[in-house]
Amino acid sequence: MKMIMAIINTEDSRALLDRLTRRGFSATLTSSAGGFLRVGNTMIFAGVEDEKVEEVLTIIREGCPNRIQYVTPLPPVMEPGEVHIPKPIEKQVGGATIFVLDVEHFEKT
């Protein structure tokens, strides 16, 4: 048995959970934040039989596309009277960071 942990964009979480449950997989979601944009992320945990790992990975990859977002970075610390007009920068968001771990013991009570 394997534990799949995926960190995904929060915008993708509801649709991904729906796709997993329609295919018969159960998963647990937790919220997190971090990274360059300090935007919300969601971690998905799913216990999966070894032979079903590739199927779940495919569902995650298809349900979490990469996309481009324009963000305005925080202005630098400035002296009084200085003016800084920040320019939006292009940042790739979405996708998934996936970990697949071996599980020694699984119990559902």
Protein backbone atom coordinates (compact mmCIF):
# COMPACT_ATOMS: atom_id res chain seq x y z
CA MET A 1 0.00 0.00 0.00
CA LYS A 2 1.12 3.57 -0.70
CA MET A 3 0.31 6.97 0.76
CA ILE A 4 0.01 9.67 -1.89
CA MET A 5 0.45 13.21 -0.62
CA ALA A 6 -0.09 15.99 -3.14
CA ILE A 7 0.25 19.73 -2.59
CA ILE A 8 -2.06 21.51 -5.02
CA ASN A 9 -3.52 24.94 -5.63
CA THR A 10 -6.65 25.46 -3.54
CA GLU A 11 -8.57 26.44 -6.68
CA ASP A 12 -8.13 22.87 -7.98
CA SER A 13 -9.00 21.02 -4.76
CA ARG A 14 -12.78 20.68 -5.00
CA ALA A 15 -12.76 19.43 -8.60
CA LEU A 16 -9.88 17.04 -7.89
CA LEU A 17 -11.63 15.57 -4.85
CA ASP A 18 -14.77 15.06 -6.96
CA ARG A 19 -12.75 13.30 -9.68
CA LEU A 20 -11.08 11.00 -7.13
CA THR A 21 -14.33 10.03 -5.40
CA ARG A 22 -16.09 9.37 -8.73
CA ARG A 23 -13.29 6.87 -9.49
CA GLY A 24 -13.71 5.19 -6.10
CA PHE A 25 -10.78 6.73 -4.20
CA SER A 26 -11.15 8.37 -0.81
CA ALA A 27 -8.95 11.26 0.22
CA THR A 28 -8.44 13.73 3.04
CA LEU A 29 -7.82 17.44 2.42
CA THR A 30 -5.96 19.91 4.63
CA SER A 31 -5.29 23.58 3.98
CA SER A 32 -1.85 25.16 3.95
CA ALA A 33 -0.13 28.29 2.69
CA GLY A 34 3.33 29.13 1.54
CA GLY A 35 5.60 29.69 -1.36
CA PHE A 36 6.40 32.83 -3.29
CA LEU A 37 2.83 34.10 -3.55
CA ARG A 38 1.74 33.16 -0.01
CA VAL A 39 -1.44 31.81 -1.57
CA GLY A 40 -3.57 28.99 -0.24
CA ASN A 41 -2.57 25.45 -1.01
CA THR A 42 -4.33 22.21 -0.25
CA MET A 43 -2.70 18.94 0.72
CA ILE A 44 -4.45 15.78 -0.38
CA PHE A 45 -3.73 12.49 1.40
CA ALA A 46 -4.88 9.21 -0.18
CA GLY A 47 -4.10 5.64 0.82
CA VAL A 48 -3.89 3.58 -2.38
CA GLU A 49 -3.17 -0.03 -3.28
CA ASP A 50 0.13 -0.39 -5.15
CA GLU A 51 -1.52 -1.29 -8.45
CA LYS A 52 -3.75 1.84 -8.35
CA VAL A 53 -0.97 4.42 -7.79
CA GLU A 54 -0.53 5.33 -11.48
CA GLU A 55 -4.29 5.81 -11.88
CA VAL A 56 -4.39 8.27 -8.97
CA LEU A 57 -1.30 10.09 -10.23
CA THR A 58 -2.94 10.50 -13.63
CA ILE A 59 -6.10 11.91 -12.04
CA ILE A 60 -4.01 14.41 -10.05
CA ARG A 61 -1.95 15.47 -13.07
CA GLU A 62 -5.05 15.97 -15.22
CA GLY A 63 -6.94 17.82 -12.46
CA CYS A 64 -4.17 20.28 -11.54
CA PRO A 65 -3.05 22.15 -14.66
CA ASN A 66 -0.27 24.73 -14.65
CA ARG A 67 -1.33 28.27 -15.50
CA ILE A 68 0.19 31.75 -15.61
CA GLN A 69 -0.81 34.44 -13.12
CA TYR A 70 0.39 38.04 -12.97
CA VAL A 71 1.21 39.31 -9.49
CA THR A 72 2.51 42.56 -8.13
CA PRO A 73 5.37 41.99 -5.71
CA LEU A 74 5.49 43.80 -2.40
CA PRO A 75 7.28 47.14 -2.68
CA PRO A 76 10.73 47.41 -1.12
CA VAL A 77 11.29 49.38 2.07
CA MET A 78 11.74 52.96 0.96
CA GLU A 79 12.82 56.25 2.41
CA PRO A 80 10.19 58.98 2.88
CA GLY A 81 9.60 60.79 -0.38
CA GLU A 82 10.78 57.95 -2.62
CA VAL A 83 8.31 56.54 -5.13
CA HIS A 84 8.26 52.96 -6.34
CA ILE A 85 5.76 51.78 -8.93
CA PRO A 86 5.85 47.98 -8.90
CA LYS A 87 5.46 46.11 -12.17
CA PRO A 88 3.43 42.91 -12.29
CA ILE A 89 5.51 39.80 -12.84
CA GLU A 90 4.53 36.55 -14.48
CA LYS A 91 4.35 33.54 -12.13
CA GLN A 92 3.43 29.95 -12.90
CA VAL A 93 0.78 28.60 -10.51
CA GLY A 94 -1.15 25.36 -10.28
CA GLY A 95 0.26 21.95 -10.92
CA ALA A 96 1.01 19.55 -8.10
CA THR A 97 3.91 18.49 -5.92
CA ILE A 98 3.40 14.78 -5.30
CA PHE A 99 4.97 12.39 -2.79
CA VAL A 100 4.39 8.63 -2.87
CA LEU A 101 5.33 6.87 0.38
CA ASP A 102 5.38 3.24 1.41
CA VAL A 103 2.87 2.36 4.16
CA GLU A 104 3.83 -0.31 6.65
CA HIS A 105 0.46 -0.55 8.31
CA PHE A 106 -3.03 0.64 7.39
CA GLU A 107 -6.10 0.34 9.58
CA LYS A 108 -9.58 1.73 9.07
CA THR A 109 -11.89 1.36 12.05
